[in-house]
Amino acid sequence: MTALTRRRFLKISAGLSATAALGGSTASQEAYVWEGTALGTHAQIVLRHPDREFAARVIRTCLDEVERLESVFSLYQTDSELNTLNRTGKLQHPTHDMRVLVHFSKWMGAMSEGAFDVSVQPLWEAMAVHFAQSPVATAAFEKRLKKLRERVDYRRIAIGAQGIRLPQGVRLTFNGVAQGYITDRVAELLHQHGWRDVLINLGEVRALEGQTWPVRLAPDGGQLDLSGAAVATSMGAATRFDAEGRWHHLLDPQTGRSARNDTTVSVQAPSAALADALSTALAVLPRTHGNYVARRFPRAYVHRHARSSLT
C-alpha cells in the first residue's frame, strides 16, 4: 500500500499477557497477532480467538477495508477519490466515507477555531518542493507561502446534494485525520461482528472494549492503559523539511508556516478520528489557546510530553 503520511509515535508495550483481566471466556483464548504495513506505516492488529485460521481471515477482511478506504483518501494513489477532487475541483457522486470525513473535517475546523484545516495541502506541496531543492527558506519561498495562505480556509469547501466542490486553487489533505477514520472503520467492522478484546494500531491506536492494553507514548511520554478508546500523537519533529526542524509537516493555517510550538501532544478520545484531528490542532495552537479548545471535548484527555527538539 502507498503511504498516507507518518507522524505518530505510539508503541504497544509487550503486554499481550494482559495487564487487566479479560472478560468472559476470552481469557483462555490465544492472542493472534498480525503485524505488517498498512497506510504506509508499521501496523498491528491483535485479537483473541481459538481458531487461528479464522482469525487470519478476519484480519484479511480488515485489511481489505483499509485498502478500500485508502483508495478514497490517499494523496499517493493518482486515481483516489481525494486526488480526483483536488484535480477537478468537484465530486458529483462522492462515496459515503468521503462525505462523512469532509463533514467531520469542517466540524473540527470550526471546533478548533481553524487550527485543524484540511485545505493546507497547497502549503505542504510548496514546502516539499522547495526543500527538495534548497536546504533553507528563502525570501521568495516565504512570499509564495504568504500568497498560498489565501487559499487555506476549510469553510470554502462546499458539500451538499450536488456533491463536493472546491474553489479554484484549493486542495485538500486528510493526512491529519484519515488514519484515525480508517482505524475507526476497522474497529466498527469488528465490533459489529461481536468482537472485543481487540487492539488496532494503524498509526493511530484504538482498543475495543474488554482487555486493557498498555500503550507507551514516545518519546518519554509515559504509558496509558487503553480500553474502549483511542489515542493519537502529533509532533513536528516527526516529519521535518529542513535539518533544524523549523519547517515541518504541522502547518499553522493562520500563518501559512510550520507551527512554532515544540510540545508533543497525545490525545485519548472515544474515536481515533477525533484523537487524530484534535492532536493535530493542539500541536499547532499555543498551549493556553489549546487548553481552551480542548475543553470543548469533555471526553478527550490531553497529554503533553517530551519536547520535539525544534529549534
C-alpha atoms as a PDB file:
ATOM      1  CA  MET A   1       0.000   0.000   0.000  1.00  0.00           C
ATOM      2  CA  THR A   2       1.081   3.551  -0.596  1.00  0.00           C
ATOM      3  CA  ALA A   3       1.636   5.909   2.269  1.00  0.00           C
ATOM      4  CA  LEU A   4      -0.811   8.441   3.596  1.00  0.00           C
ATOM      5  CA  THR A   5       1.691  10.013   5.963  1.00  0.00           C
ATOM      6  CA  ARG A   6       3.658   9.173   9.049  1.00  0.00           C
ATOM      7  CA  ARG A   7       3.774  11.371  12.091  1.00  0.00           C
ATOM      8  CA  ARG A   8       2.936   9.167  15.081  1.00  0.00           C
ATOM      9  CA  PHE A   9       4.947   7.830  17.964  1.00  0.00           C
ATOM     10  CA  LEU A  10       2.842   5.203  19.689  1.00  0.00           C
ATOM     11  CA  LYS A  11       4.082   1.811  20.755  1.00  0.00           C
ATOM     12  CA  ILE A  12       2.192  -1.115  22.199  1.00  0.00           C
ATOM     13  CA  SER A  13       4.059  -2.354  25.221  1.00  0.00           C
ATOM     14  CA  ALA A  14       4.933  -6.015  25.337  1.00  0.00           C
ATOM     15  CA  GLY A  15       1.830  -6.918  27.261  1.00  0.00           C
ATOM     16  CA  LEU A  16      -0.185  -9.487  25.379  1.00  0.00           C
ATOM     17  CA  SER A  17      -0.490 -11.419  28.617  1.00  0.00           C
ATOM     18  CA  ALA A  18      -2.801  -8.552  29.641  1.00  0.00           C
ATOM     19  CA  THR A  19      -2.375  -6.052  32.406  1.00  0.00           C
ATOM     20  CA  ALA A  20      -6.032  -6.404  33.292  1.00  0.00           C
ATOM     21  CA  ALA A  21      -8.307  -9.403  33.439  1.00  0.00           C
ATOM     22  CA  LEU A  22     -10.006 -10.409  30.206  1.00  0.00           C
ATOM     23  CA  GLY A  23     -13.750 -10.547  30.213  1.00  0.00           C
ATOM     24  CA  GLY A  24     -15.810 -13.674  29.574  1.00  0.00           C
ATOM     25  CA  SER A  25     -14.358 -16.807  28.038  1.00  0.00           C
ATOM     26  CA  THR A  26     -11.733 -14.942  26.028  1.00  0.00           C
ATOM     27  CA  ALA A  27      -9.311 -15.129  28.947  1.00  0.00           C
ATOM     28  CA  SER A  28      -8.328 -18.633  27.888  1.00  0.00           C
ATOM     29  CA  GLN A  29      -8.076 -17.832  24.195  1.00  0.00           C
ATOM     30  CA  GLU A  30      -4.766 -17.309  22.457  1.00  0.00           C
ATOM     31  CA  ALA A  31      -3.816 -13.872  21.183  1.00  0.00           C
ATOM     32  CA  TYR A  32      -3.477 -13.791  17.412  1.00  0.00           C
ATOM     33  CA  VAL A  33      -1.081 -11.036  16.391  1.00  0.00           C
ATOM     34  CA  TRP A  34      -0.851  -9.692  12.843  1.00  0.00           C
ATOM     35  CA  GLU A  35       1.982  -7.285  12.047  1.00  0.00           C
ATOM     36  CA  GLY A  36       2.748  -5.721   8.695  1.00  0.00           C
ATOM     37  CA  THR A  37       2.452  -2.482   6.769  1.00  0.00           C
ATOM     38  CA  ALA A  38      -0.741  -0.510   6.260  1.00  0.00           C
ATOM     39  CA  LEU A  39      -1.248   3.146   5.333  1.00  0.00           C
ATOM     40  CA  GLY A  40       2.495   3.398   4.795  1.00  0.00           C
ATOM     41  CA  THR A  41       3.486   2.582   8.359  1.00  0.00           C
ATOM     42  CA  HIS A  42       4.056  -0.362  10.665  1.00  0.00           C
ATOM     43  CA  ALA A  43       0.685  -1.756  11.670  1.00  0.00           C
ATOM     44  CA  GLN A  44      -0.563  -4.281  14.172  1.00  0.00           C
ATOM     45  CA  ILE A  45      -3.893  -5.940  14.915  1.00  0.00           C
ATOM     46  CA  VAL A  46      -4.232  -8.171  17.954  1.00  0.00           C
ATOM     47  CA  LEU A  47      -7.315 -10.268  18.661  1.00  0.00           C
ATOM     48  CA  ARG A  48      -8.195 -13.392  20.594  1.00  0.00           C
ATOM     49  CA  HIS A  49      -9.796 -16.461  19.038  1.00  0.00           C
ATOM     50  CA  PRO A  50      -9.173 -20.200  19.418  1.00  0.00           C
ATOM     51  CA  ASP A  51      -9.101 -20.757  15.618  1.00  0.00           C
ATOM     52  CA  ARG A  52      -6.012 -19.104  14.145  1.00  0.00           C
ATOM     53  CA  GLU A  53      -7.144 -19.684  10.552  1.00  0.00           C
ATOM     54  CA  PHE A  54     -10.429 -17.940  11.270  1.00  0.00           C
ATOM     55  CA  ALA A  55      -8.575 -15.079  12.986  1.00  0.00           C
ATOM     56  CA  ALA A  56      -6.342 -14.728   9.927  1.00  0.00           C
ATOM     57  CA  ARG A  57      -9.401 -14.447   7.667  1.00  0.00           C
ATOM     58  CA  VAL A  58     -10.823 -11.735   9.919  1.00  0.00           C
ATOM     59  CA  ILE A  59      -7.566  -9.812   9.662  1.00  0.00           C
ATOM     60  CA  ARG A  60      -7.685 -10.117   5.869  1.00  0.00           C
ATOM     61  CA  THR A  61     -11.175  -8.617   5.889  1.00  0.00           C
ATOM     62  CA  CYS A  62      -9.886  -5.720   7.971  1.00  0.00           C
ATOM     63  CA  LEU A  63      -7.000  -5.114   5.587  1.00  0.00           C
ATOM     64  CA  ASP A  64      -9.366  -5.180   2.611  1.00  0.00           C
ATOM     65  CA  GLU A  65     -11.315  -2.398   4.306  1.00  0.00           C
ATOM     66  CA  VAL A  66      -8.103  -0.426   4.858  1.00  0.00           C
ATOM     67  CA  GLU A  67      -7.213  -0.807   1.181  1.00  0.00           C
ATOM     68  CA  ARG A  68     -10.692   0.292   0.083  1.00  0.00           C
ATOM     69  CA  LEU A  69     -10.569   3.415   2.217  1.00  0.00           C
ATOM     70  CA  GLU A  70      -7.052   4.282   1.144  1.00  0.00           C
ATOM     71  CA  SER A  71      -8.343   4.368  -2.435  1.00  0.00           C
ATOM     72  CA  VAL A  72     -10.691   7.106  -1.236  1.00  0.00           C
ATOM     73  CA  PHE A  73      -8.353   9.268   0.871  1.00  0.00           C
ATOM     74  CA  SER A  74      -4.815   8.696  -0.411  1.00  0.00           C
ATOM     75  CA  LEU A  75      -2.771  11.531  -1.903  1.00  0.00           C
ATOM     76  CA  TYR A  76      -0.367   8.972  -3.362  1.00  0.00           C
ATOM     77  CA  GLN A  77      -2.804   6.987  -5.489  1.00  0.00           C
ATOM     78  CA  THR A  78      -3.393   9.068  -8.599  1.00  0.00           C
ATOM     79  CA  ASP A  79      -6.912   7.742  -9.109  1.00  0.00           C
ATOM     80  CA  SER A  80      -8.050   8.108  -5.485  1.00  0.00           C
ATOM     81  CA  GLU A  81     -11.252   9.977  -4.799  1.00  0.00           C
ATOM     82  CA  LEU A  82      -9.339  12.720  -2.991  1.00  0.00           C
ATOM     83  CA  ASN A  83      -6.934  13.248  -5.885  1.00  0.00           C
ATOM     84  CA  THR A  84      -9.872  13.406  -8.292  1.00  0.00           C
ATOM     85  CA  LEU A  85     -11.425  16.115  -6.128  1.00  0.00           C
ATOM     86  CA  ASN A  86      -8.161  18.052  -5.905  1.00  0.00           C
ATOM     87  CA  ARG A  87      -7.553  17.753  -9.643  1.00  0.00           C
ATOM     88  CA  THR A  88     -11.030  18.648 -10.890  1.00  0.00           C
ATOM     89  CA  GLY A  89     -12.382  20.694  -8.000  1.00  0.00           C
ATOM     90  CA  LYS A  90     -15.539  18.624  -7.767  1.00  0.00           C
ATOM     91  CA  LEU A  91     -17.037  15.261  -6.936  1.00  0.00           C
ATOM     92  CA  GLN A  92     -20.602  14.808  -8.133  1.00  0.00           C
ATOM     93  CA  HIS A  93     -21.074  11.414  -6.514  1.00  0.00           C
ATOM     94  CA  PRO A  94     -18.745  11.198  -3.506  1.00  0.00           C
ATOM     95  CA  THR A  95     -18.732   7.993  -1.523  1.00  0.00           C
ATOM     96  CA  HIS A  96     -20.371   7.894   1.880  1.00  0.00           C
ATOM     97  CA  ASP A  97     -16.942   7.800   3.542  1.00  0.00           C
ATOM     98  CA  MET A  98     -15.799  10.909   1.680  1.00  0.00           C
ATOM     99  CA  ARG A  99     -18.943  12.773   2.686  1.00  0.00           C
ATOM    100  CA  VAL A 100     -18.585  11.734   6.317  1.00  0.00           C
ATOM    101  CA  LEU A 101     -14.940  12.757   6.543  1.00  0.00           C
ATOM    102  CA  VAL A 102     -15.468  16.109   4.818  1.00  0.00           C
ATOM    103  CA  HIS A 103     -18.340  16.927   7.186  1.00  0.00           C
ATOM    104  CA  PHE A 104     -16.256  15.838  10.180  1.00  0.00           C
ATOM    105  CA  SER A 105     -13.254  17.861   8.998  1.00  0.00           C
ATOM    106  CA  LYS A 106     -15.317  21.024   8.579  1.00  0.00           C
ATOM    107  CA  TRP A 107     -16.800  20.486  12.052  1.00  0.00           C
ATOM    108  CA  MET A 108     -13.346  20.013  13.541  1.00  0.00           C
ATOM    109  CA  GLY A 109     -12.185  23.141  11.754  1.00  0.00           C
ATOM    110  CA  ALA A 110     -14.925  25.119  13.473  1.00  0.00           C
ATOM    111  CA  MET A 111     -14.434  23.469  16.872  1.00  0.00           C
ATOM    112  CA  SER A 112     -10.677  24.139  16.766  1.00  0.00           C
ATOM    113  CA  GLU A 113     -11.137  27.730  15.554  1.00  0.00           C
ATOM    114  CA  GLY A 114      -9.365  26.889  12.335  1.00  0.00           C
ATOM    115  CA  ALA A 115      -6.308  25.179  13.819  1.00  0.00           C
ATOM    116  CA  PHE A 116      -7.362  21.956  12.119  1.00  0.00           C
ATOM    117  CA  ASP A 117      -7.797  22.721   8.434  1.00  0.00           C
ATOM    118  CA  VAL A 118      -7.730  20.086   5.689  1.00  0.00           C
ATOM    119  CA  SER A 119      -7.190  22.740   2.987  1.00  0.00           C
ATOM    120  CA  VAL A 120      -3.490  23.261   3.868  1.00  0.00           C
ATOM    121  CA  GLN A 121      -2.345  20.937   1.069  1.00  0.00           C
ATOM    122  CA  PRO A 122      -1.015  23.766  -1.193  1.00  0.00           C
ATOM    123  CA  LEU A 123       1.274  24.861   1.665  1.00  0.00           C
ATOM    124  CA  TRP A 124       2.559  21.328   2.208  1.00  0.00           C
ATOM    125  CA  GLU A 125       3.210  20.877  -1.509  1.00  0.00           C
ATOM    126  CA  ALA A 126       5.137  24.163  -1.675  1.00  0.00           C
ATOM    127  CA  MET A 127       7.325  23.184   1.283  1.00  0.00           C
ATOM    128  CA  ALA A 128       8.033  19.709  -0.076  1.00  0.00           C
ATOM    129  CA  VAL A 129       9.058  21.092  -3.475  1.00  0.00           C
ATOM    130  CA  HIS A 130      11.161  23.940  -2.058  1.00  0.00           C
ATOM    131  CA  PHE A 131      13.135  21.895   0.451  1.00  0.00           C
ATOM    132  CA  ALA A 132      13.764  19.165  -2.093  1.00  0.00           C
ATOM    133  CA  GLN A 133      15.747  21.809  -3.994  1.00  0.00           C
ATOM    134  CA  SER A 134      17.114  24.048  -1.232  1.00  0.00           C
ATOM    135  CA  PRO A 135      18.174  23.403   2.380  1.00  0.00           C
ATOM    136  CA  VAL A 136      16.989  26.806   3.618  1.00  0.00           C
ATOM    137  CA  ALA A 137      13.942  29.008   3.344  1.00  0.00           C
ATOM    138  CA  THR A 138      14.346  31.973   1.009  1.00  0.00           C
ATOM    139  CA  ALA A 139      12.525  35.286   0.806  1.00  0.00           C
ATOM    140  CA  ALA A 140      10.860  34.176  -2.426  1.00  0.00           C
ATOM    141  CA  PHE A 141       9.712  30.955  -0.771  1.00  0.00           C
ATOM    142  CA  GLU A 142       8.165  32.779   2.190  1.00  0.00           C
ATOM    143  CA  LYS A 143       6.485  35.217  -0.175  1.00  0.00           C
ATOM    144  CA  ARG A 144       4.961  32.270  -2.020  1.00  0.00           C
ATOM    145  CA  LEU A 145       3.683  30.772   1.238  1.00  0.00           C
ATOM    146  CA  LYS A 146       2.032  34.065   2.104  1.00  0.00           C
ATOM    147  CA  LYS A 147       0.243  34.026  -1.247  1.00  0.00           C
ATOM    148  CA  LEU A 148      -0.786  30.385  -0.911  1.00  0.00           C
ATOM    149  CA  ARG A 149      -2.139  31.089   2.578  1.00  0.00           C
ATOM    150  CA  GLU A 150      -5.010  32.908   0.862  1.00  0.00           C
ATOM    151  CA  ARG A 151      -6.265  29.551  -0.425  1.00  0.00           C
ATOM    152  CA  VAL A 152      -6.456  27.955   3.019  1.00  0.00           C
ATOM    153  CA  ASP A 153      -9.936  28.019   4.542  1.00  0.00           C
ATOM    154  CA  TYR A 154     -11.938  24.877   5.317  1.00  0.00           C
ATOM    155  CA  ARG A 155     -15.121  26.970   5.249  1.00  0.00           C
ATOM    156  CA  ARG A 156     -14.807  27.288   1.475  1.00  0.00           C
ATOM    157  CA  ILE A 157     -15.323  23.555   0.987  1.00  0.00           C
ATOM    158  CA  ALA A 158     -18.861  23.192  -0.358  1.00  0.00           C
ATOM    159  CA  ILE A 159     -20.726  19.956   0.321  1.00  0.00           C
ATOM    160  CA  GLY A 160     -24.372  19.301  -0.386  1.00  0.00           C
ATOM    161  CA  ALA A 161     -26.830  17.453  -2.586  1.00  0.00           C
ATOM    162  CA  GLN A 162     -24.781  18.358  -5.676  1.00  0.00           C
ATOM    163  CA  GLY A 163     -21.657  16.743  -4.270  1.00  0.00           C
ATOM    164  CA  ILE A 164     -18.416  18.351  -3.099  1.00  0.00           C
ATOM    165  CA  ARG A 165     -16.840  21.397  -4.709  1.00  0.00           C
ATOM    166  CA  LEU A 166     -13.622  23.319  -4.119  1.00  0.00           C
ATOM    167  CA  PRO A 167     -12.793  26.867  -5.219  1.00  0.00           C
ATOM    168  CA  GLN A 168     -10.017  27.211  -7.777  1.00  0.00           C
ATOM    169  CA  GLY A 169      -6.600  26.545  -6.252  1.00  0.00           C
ATOM    170  CA  VAL A 170      -7.947  24.869  -3.099  1.00  0.00           C
ATOM    171  CA  ARG A 171      -6.694  21.344  -2.443  1.00  0.00           C
ATOM    172  CA  LEU A 172      -7.303  19.052   0.498  1.00  0.00           C
ATOM    173  CA  THR A 173      -5.281  16.632   2.568  1.00  0.00           C
ATOM    174  CA  PHE A 174      -6.689  14.197   5.109  1.00  0.00           C
ATOM    175  CA  ASN A 175      -3.277  13.287   6.475  1.00  0.00           C
ATOM    176  CA  GLY A 176      -4.271  14.659   9.869  1.00  0.00           C
ATOM    177  CA  VAL A 177      -7.423  12.578  10.197  1.00  0.00           C
ATOM    178  CA  ALA A 178      -7.715   9.763   7.625  1.00  0.00           C
ATOM    179  CA  GLN A 179      -5.658   7.246   9.589  1.00  0.00           C
ATOM    180  CA  GLY A 180      -7.885   7.826  12.585  1.00  0.00           C
ATOM    181  CA  TYR A 181     -11.029   7.499  10.485  1.00  0.00           C
ATOM    182  CA  ILE A 182      -9.810   4.273   8.880  1.00  0.00           C
ATOM    183  CA  THR A 183      -8.860   2.878  12.290  1.00  0.00           C
ATOM    184  CA  ASP A 184     -12.403   3.599  13.478  1.00  0.00           C
ATOM    185  CA  ARG A 185     -13.930   1.905  10.460  1.00  0.00           C
ATOM    186  CA  VAL A 186     -11.927  -1.269  11.133  1.00  0.00           C
ATOM    187  CA  ALA A 187     -12.931  -1.118  14.808  1.00  0.00           C
ATOM    188  CA  GLU A 188     -16.608  -0.729  13.868  1.00  0.00           C
ATOM    189  CA  LEU A 189     -16.362  -3.628  11.431  1.00  0.00           C
ATOM    190  CA  LEU A 190     -15.056  -5.900  14.189  1.00  0.00           C
ATOM    191  CA  HIS A 191     -17.484  -4.575  16.808  1.00  0.00           C
ATOM    192  CA  GLN A 192     -20.474  -5.207  14.539  1.00  0.00           C
ATOM    193  CA  HIS A 193     -19.449  -8.858  14.348  1.00  0.00           C
ATOM    194  CA  GLY A 194     -19.248  -9.198  18.105  1.00  0.00           C
ATOM    195  CA  TRP A 195     -15.501  -8.894  18.630  1.00  0.00           C
ATOM    196  CA  ARG A 196     -13.964  -7.493  21.798  1.00  0.00           C
ATOM    197  CA  ASP A 197     -10.507  -7.681  23.393  1.00  0.00           C
ATOM    198  CA  VAL A 198      -9.076  -6.284  20.147  1.00  0.00           C
ATOM    199  CA  LEU A 199      -6.223  -3.837  19.626  1.00  0.00           C
ATOM    200  CA  ILE A 200      -5.838  -1.973  16.326  1.00  0.00           C
ATOM    201  CA  ASN A 201      -2.708   0.033  15.545  1.00  0.00           C
ATOM    202  CA  LEU A 202      -2.765   1.641  12.089  1.00  0.00           C
ATOM    203  CA  GLY A 203      -0.648   4.610  13.120  1.00  0.00           C
ATOM    204  CA  GLU A 204      -3.463   5.630  15.428  1.00  0.00           C
ATOM    205  CA  VAL A 205      -4.326   3.138  18.145  1.00  0.00           C
ATOM    206  CA  ARG A 206      -7.787   2.008  19.168  1.00  0.00           C
ATOM    207  CA  ALA A 207      -8.767  -0.686  21.645  1.00  0.00           C
ATOM    208  CA  LEU A 208     -12.203  -2.243  21.654  1.00  0.00           C
ATOM    209  CA  GLU A 209     -13.882  -2.782  24.996  1.00  0.00           C
ATOM    210  CA  GLY A 210     -12.590  -5.674  27.032  1.00  0.00           C
ATOM    211  CA  GLN A 211      -8.907  -6.124  27.710  1.00  0.00           C
ATOM    212  CA  THR A 212      -6.870  -3.141  28.852  1.00  0.00           C
ATOM    213  CA  TRP A 213      -3.779  -2.579  26.721  1.00  0.00           C
ATOM    214  CA  PRO A 214      -0.669  -0.701  27.886  1.00  0.00           C
ATOM    215  CA  VAL A 215       0.270   1.926  25.286  1.00  0.00           C
ATOM    216  CA  ARG A 216       3.554   3.799  25.572  1.00  0.00           C
ATOM    217  CA  LEU A 217       3.650   7.385  24.363  1.00  0.00           C
ATOM    218  CA  ALA A 218       7.081   8.062  22.904  1.00  0.00           C
ATOM    219  CA  PRO A 219       9.360   9.828  23.319  1.00  0.00           C
ATOM    220  CA  ASP A 220       9.270   9.890  27.112  1.00  0.00           C
ATOM    221  CA  GLY A 221       5.546  10.392  27.271  1.00  0.00           C
ATOM    222  CA  GLY A 222       4.842   7.690  29.781  1.00  0.00           C
ATOM    223  CA  GLN A 223       2.249   4.989  29.406  1.00  0.00           C
ATOM    224  CA  LEU A 224      -1.525   4.877  29.459  1.00  0.00           C
ATOM    225  CA  ASP A 225      -3.931   1.972  29.729  1.00  0.00           C
ATOM    226  CA  LEU A 226      -6.340   1.820  26.815  1.00  0.00           C
ATOM    227  CA  SER A 227      -9.710   0.080  26.629  1.00  0.00           C
ATOM    228  CA  GLY A 228     -12.776   1.178  24.692  1.00  0.00           C
ATOM    229  CA  ALA A 229     -10.920   4.261  23.449  1.00  0.00           C
ATOM    230  CA  ALA A 230      -8.288   5.552  21.027  1.00  0.00           C
ATOM    231  CA  VAL A 231      -5.086   7.578  21.219  1.00  0.00           C
ATOM    232  CA  ALA A 232      -3.063   9.605  18.710  1.00  0.00           C
ATOM    233  CA  THR A 233       0.131  11.639  18.999  1.00  0.00           C
ATOM    234  CA  SER A 234       1.355  14.618  16.953  1.00  0.00           C
ATOM    235  CA  MET A 235       4.770  16.250  16.945  1.00  0.00           C
ATOM    236  CA  GLY A 236       6.518  18.485  14.448  1.00  0.00           C
ATOM    237  CA  ALA A 237       9.820  16.637  14.648  1.00  0.00           C
ATOM    238  CA  ALA A 238       8.209  13.528  13.166  1.00  0.00           C
ATOM    239  CA  THR A 239       8.445  14.877   9.612  1.00  0.00           C
ATOM    240  CA  ARG A 240      10.974  17.632   9.019  1.00  0.00           C
ATOM    241  CA  PHE A 241      11.612  19.513   5.812  1.00  0.00           C
ATOM    242  CA  ASP A 242      14.864  21.127   6.972  1.00  0.00           C
ATOM    243  CA  ALA A 243      17.747  19.957   9.149  1.00  0.00           C
ATOM    244  CA  GLU A 244      16.908  22.258  12.072  1.00  0.00           C
ATOM    245  CA  GLY A 245      13.258  21.229  12.168  1.00  0.00           C
ATOM    246  CA  ARG A 246      11.924  24.757  11.878  1.00  0.00           C
ATOM    247  CA  TRP A 247       9.939  23.649   8.854  1.00  0.00           C
ATOM    248  CA  HIS A 248       7.844  20.536   9.351  1.00  0.00           C
ATOM    249  CA  HIS A 249       4.517  18.970   8.462  1.00  0.00           C
ATOM    250  CA  LEU A 250       2.393  20.525  11.228  1.00  0.00           C
ATOM    251  CA  LEU A 251       1.168  23.615   9.415  1.00  0.00           C
ATOM    252  CA  ASP A 252      -0.442  26.600  11.091  1.00  0.00           C
ATOM    253  CA  PRO A 253      -3.368  27.624   8.863  1.00  0.00           C
ATOM    254  CA  GLN A 254      -3.312  31.130  10.327  1.00  0.00           C
ATOM    255  CA  THR A 255       0.265  31.915   9.304  1.00  0.00           C
ATOM    256  CA  GLY A 256       0.916  29.527   6.434  1.00  0.00           C
ATOM    257  CA  ARG A 257       4.107  28.389   8.161  1.00  0.00           C
ATOM    258  CA  SER A 258       5.039  25.390  10.270  1.00  0.00           C
ATOM    259  CA  ALA A 259       3.821  25.685  13.851  1.00  0.00           C
ATOM    260  CA  ARG A 260       6.413  27.007  16.286  1.00  0.00           C
ATOM    261  CA  ASN A 261       5.184  25.008  19.264  1.00  0.00           C
ATOM    262  CA  ASP A 262       7.655  22.369  20.425  1.00  0.00           C
ATOM    263  CA  THR A 263       5.366  20.239  22.555  1.00  0.00           C
ATOM    264  CA  THR A 264       4.409  16.684  21.672  1.00  0.00           C
ATOM    265  CA  VAL A 265       0.666  16.213  22.101  1.00  0.00           C
ATOM    266  CA  SER A 266      -1.174  12.941  22.643  1.00  0.00           C
ATOM    267  CA  VAL A 267      -4.957  12.809  22.803  1.00  0.00           C
ATOM    268  CA  GLN A 268      -7.042   9.967  24.184  1.00  0.00           C
ATOM    269  CA  ALA A 269     -10.618  10.059  22.885  1.00  0.00           C
ATOM    270  CA  PRO A 270     -13.622   7.816  22.179  1.00  0.00           C
ATOM    271  CA  SER A 271     -12.727   7.666  18.471  1.00  0.00           C
ATOM    272  CA  ALA A 272      -9.421   7.565  16.624  1.00  0.00           C
ATOM    273  CA  ALA A 273     -10.610  10.229  14.161  1.00  0.00           C
ATOM    274  CA  LEU A 274     -11.220  12.677  16.994  1.00  0.00           C
ATOM    275  CA  ALA A 275      -7.919  11.808  18.689  1.00  0.00           C
ATOM    276  CA  ASP A 276      -6.109  12.220  15.357  1.00  0.00           C
ATOM    277  CA  ALA A 277      -7.620  15.584  14.410  1.00  0.00           C
ATOM    278  CA  LEU A 278      -7.525  17.064  17.895  1.00  0.00           C
ATOM    279  CA  SER A 279      -3.889  16.118  18.466  1.00  0.00           C
ATOM    280  CA  THR A 280      -3.066  17.908  15.207  1.00  0.00           C
ATOM    281  CA  ALA A 281      -4.944  21.050  16.236  1.00  0.00           C
ATOM    282  CA  LEU A 282      -3.434  21.162  19.726  1.00  0.00           C
ATOM    283  CA  ALA A 283       0.087  20.687  18.360  1.00  0.00           C
ATOM    284  CA  VAL A 284      -0.474  23.827  16.261  1.00  0.00           C
ATOM    285  CA  LEU A 285      -2.142  26.024  18.881  1.00  0.00           C
ATOM    286  CA  PRO A 286      -0.290  27.816  21.677  1.00  0.00           C
ATOM    287  CA  ARG A 287      -0.809  25.949  24.949  1.00  0.00           C
ATOM    288  CA  THR A 288      -3.248  28.394  26.566  1.00  0.00           C
ATOM    289  CA  HIS A 289      -5.440  28.604  23.499  1.00  0.00           C
ATOM    290  CA  GLY A 290      -5.147  24.849  23.004  1.00  0.00           C
ATOM    291  CA  ASN A 291      -6.332  24.196  26.548  1.00  0.00           C
ATOM    292  CA  TYR A 292      -9.368  26.371  25.846  1.00  0.00           C
ATOM    293  CA  VAL A 293     -10.176  24.414  22.668  1.00  0.00           C
ATOM    294  CA  ALA A 294      -9.617  21.057  24.385  1.00  0.00           C
ATOM    295  CA  ARG A 295     -12.296  21.870  26.968  1.00  0.00           C
ATOM    296  CA  ARG A 296     -14.839  21.660  24.155  1.00  0.00           C
ATOM    297  CA  PHE A 297     -14.228  17.912  24.078  1.00  0.00           C
ATOM    298  CA  PRO A 298     -15.066  16.677  27.606  1.00  0.00           C
ATOM    299  CA  ARG A 299     -14.409  13.018  26.726  1.00  0.00           C
ATOM    300  CA  ALA A 300     -10.950  13.730  25.331  1.00  0.00           C
ATOM    301  CA  TYR A 301      -7.852  13.687  27.530  1.00  0.00           C
ATOM    302  CA  VAL A 302      -4.747  15.599  26.539  1.00  0.00           C
ATOM    303  CA  HIS A 303      -1.201  14.510  27.370  1.00  0.00           C
ATOM    304  CA  ARG A 304       1.603  16.955  26.643  1.00  0.00           C
ATOM    305  CA  HIS A 305       5.054  15.473  26.968  1.00  0.00           C
ATOM    306  CA  ALA A 306       8.638  15.463  25.699  1.00  0.00           C
ATOM    307  CA  ARG A 307       9.768  18.365  23.585  1.00  0.00           C
ATOM    308  CA  SER A 308      10.192  17.599  19.903  1.00  0.00           C
ATOM    309  CA  SER A 309      13.586  19.308  19.663  1.00  0.00           C
ATOM    310  CA  LEU A 310      12.502  22.059  17.279  1.00  0.00           C
ATOM    311  CA  THR A 311      14.874  24.995  17.207  1.00  0.00           C
END
